[in-house]
Amino acid sequence: EDRKNAHEIQRAVDAAKHIDPKDPRLDYYTAVGLILRRNELPTAERLLRSYVANVPQRSDYPSHRAAEQWLSRIGR
């Protein structure tokens, strides 16, 4: 199930890159896909830490808390 979800997330990220390649949410969702696939976890960690450090909290963006929760899954 996670791999299927990861594939769908990556497809959505790829499509969104064509619309707005500078959207800061792309890194967040790319990282989530990597974590679900258990692939390139150091890259996923870097992307999420950058998201938390550089993207302001907004109600229409994934929360920093959500990013921290995904980071906690990397160590499992």
C-alpha atoms as a PDB file:
ATOM      1  CA  GLU A   1       0.000   0.000   0.000  1.00  0.00           C
ATOM      2  CA  ASP A   2       2.788   2.453   0.892  1.00  0.00           C
ATOM      3  CA  ARG A   3       4.553   1.823  -2.414  1.00  0.00           C
ATOM      4  CA  LYS A   4       1.337   2.437  -4.341  1.00  0.00           C
ATOM      5  CA  ASN A   5       0.805   5.683  -2.440  1.00  0.00           C
ATOM      6  CA  ALA A   6       4.433   6.652  -3.036  1.00  0.00           C
ATOM      7  CA  HIS A   7       3.963   6.149  -6.769  1.00  0.00           C
ATOM      8  CA  GLU A   8       0.836   8.325  -6.786  1.00  0.00           C
ATOM      9  CA  ILE A   9       2.590  11.040  -4.785  1.00  0.00           C
ATOM     10  CA  GLN A  10       5.523  11.043  -7.198  1.00  0.00           C
ATOM     11  CA  ARG A  11       3.177  11.300 -10.192  1.00  0.00           C
ATOM     12  CA  ALA A  12       1.466  14.300  -8.575  1.00  0.00           C
ATOM     13  CA  VAL A  13       4.821  15.943  -7.783  1.00  0.00           C
ATOM     14  CA  ASP A  14       6.012  15.429 -11.352  1.00  0.00           C
ATOM     15  CA  ALA A  15       2.820  17.022 -12.703  1.00  0.00           C
ATOM     16  CA  ALA A  16       3.044  19.921 -10.244  1.00  0.00           C
ATOM     17  CA  LYS A  17       6.643  20.630 -11.279  1.00  0.00           C
ATOM     18  CA  HIS A  18       5.344  21.520 -14.739  1.00  0.00           C
ATOM     19  CA  ILE A  19       2.896  24.031 -13.257  1.00  0.00           C
ATOM     20  CA  ASP A  20       5.148  25.690 -10.663  1.00  0.00           C
ATOM     21  CA  PRO A  21       8.639  24.207 -10.353  1.00  0.00           C
ATOM     22  CA  LYS A  22       9.500  26.581  -7.483  1.00  0.00           C
ATOM     23  CA  ASP A  23       6.581  25.582  -5.256  1.00  0.00           C
ATOM     24  CA  PRO A  24       8.225  24.814  -1.882  1.00  0.00           C
ATOM     25  CA  ARG A  25       5.723  22.033  -1.192  1.00  0.00           C
ATOM     26  CA  LEU A  26       7.315  19.904  -3.904  1.00  0.00           C
ATOM     27  CA  ASP A  27      10.268  19.039  -1.663  1.00  0.00           C
ATOM     28  CA  TYR A  28       7.928  18.047   1.155  1.00  0.00           C
ATOM     29  CA  TYR A  29       5.918  15.691  -1.036  1.00  0.00           C
ATOM     30  CA  THR A  30       9.020  14.304  -2.747  1.00  0.00           C
ATOM     31  CA  ALA A  31      10.392  13.458   0.700  1.00  0.00           C
ATOM     32  CA  VAL A  32       7.137  11.771   1.742  1.00  0.00           C
ATOM     33  CA  GLY A  33       7.257   9.605  -1.378  1.00  0.00           C
ATOM     34  CA  LEU A  34      10.848   8.616  -0.663  1.00  0.00           C
ATOM     35  CA  ILE A  35       9.989   7.694   2.925  1.00  0.00           C
ATOM     36  CA  LEU A  36       7.030   5.571   1.836  1.00  0.00           C
ATOM     37  CA  ARG A  37       9.297   3.699  -0.588  1.00  0.00           C
ATOM     38  CA  ARG A  38      12.063   3.504   2.066  1.00  0.00           C
ATOM     39  CA  ASN A  39      14.379   4.844  -0.624  1.00  0.00           C
ATOM     40  CA  GLU A  40      17.007   7.603  -0.480  1.00  0.00           C
ATOM     41  CA  LEU A  41      16.212   8.335   3.151  1.00  0.00           C
ATOM     42  CA  PRO A  42      19.122  10.793   3.594  1.00  0.00           C
ATOM     43  CA  THR A  43      17.693  12.814   0.694  1.00  0.00           C
ATOM     44  CA  ALA A  44      14.223  12.694   2.241  1.00  0.00           C
ATOM     45  CA  GLU A  45      15.635  13.893   5.554  1.00  0.00           C
ATOM     46  CA  ARG A  46      17.498  16.762   3.879  1.00  0.00           C
ATOM     47  CA  LEU A  47      14.384  17.852   1.966  1.00  0.00           C
ATOM     48  CA  LEU A  48      12.179  17.832   5.065  1.00  0.00           C
ATOM     49  CA  ARG A  49      14.715  19.645   7.237  1.00  0.00           C
ATOM     50  CA  SER A  50      15.068  22.286   4.529  1.00  0.00           C
ATOM     51  CA  TYR A  51      11.288  22.592   4.296  1.00  0.00           C
ATOM     52  CA  VAL A  52      10.980  23.196   8.053  1.00  0.00           C
ATOM     53  CA  ALA A  53      13.897  25.646   8.096  1.00  0.00           C
ATOM     54  CA  ASN A  54      12.993  27.674   5.021  1.00  0.00           C
ATOM     55  CA  VAL A  55       9.255  27.517   4.345  1.00  0.00           C
ATOM     56  CA  PRO A  56       7.029  29.696   6.540  1.00  0.00           C
ATOM     57  CA  GLN A  57       4.050  28.103   8.252  1.00  0.00           C
ATOM     58  CA  ARG A  58       0.935  28.594   6.128  1.00  0.00           C
ATOM     59  CA  SER A  59      -2.519  27.115   6.497  1.00  0.00           C
ATOM     60  CA  ASP A  60      -2.481  25.933   2.870  1.00  0.00           C
ATOM     61  CA  TYR A  61       0.913  24.177   3.157  1.00  0.00           C
ATOM     62  CA  PRO A  62       1.844  20.995   5.017  1.00  0.00           C
ATOM     63  CA  SER A  63       2.637  21.919   8.605  1.00  0.00           C
ATOM     64  CA  HIS A  64       6.086  21.828  10.105  1.00  0.00           C
ATOM     65  CA  ARG A  65       4.665  19.370  12.630  1.00  0.00           C
ATOM     66  CA  ALA A  66       3.689  17.034   9.788  1.00  0.00           C
ATOM     67  CA  ALA A  67       7.222  17.300   8.402  1.00  0.00           C
ATOM     68  CA  GLU A  68       8.630  16.436  11.835  1.00  0.00           C
ATOM     69  CA  GLN A  69       6.330  13.406  12.013  1.00  0.00           C
ATOM     70  CA  TRP A  70       7.625  12.187   8.642  1.00  0.00           C
ATOM     71  CA  LEU A  71      11.190  12.749   9.859  1.00  0.00           C
ATOM     72  CA  SER A  72      10.470  10.508  12.840  1.00  0.00           C
ATOM     73  CA  ARG A  73       9.479   7.693  10.435  1.00  0.00           C
ATOM     74  CA  ILE A  74      12.941   7.723   8.858  1.00  0.00           C
ATOM     75  CA  GLY A  75      14.497   6.274  11.992  1.00  0.00           C
ATOM     76  CA  ARG A  76      12.034   3.398  12.244  1.00  0.00           C
END
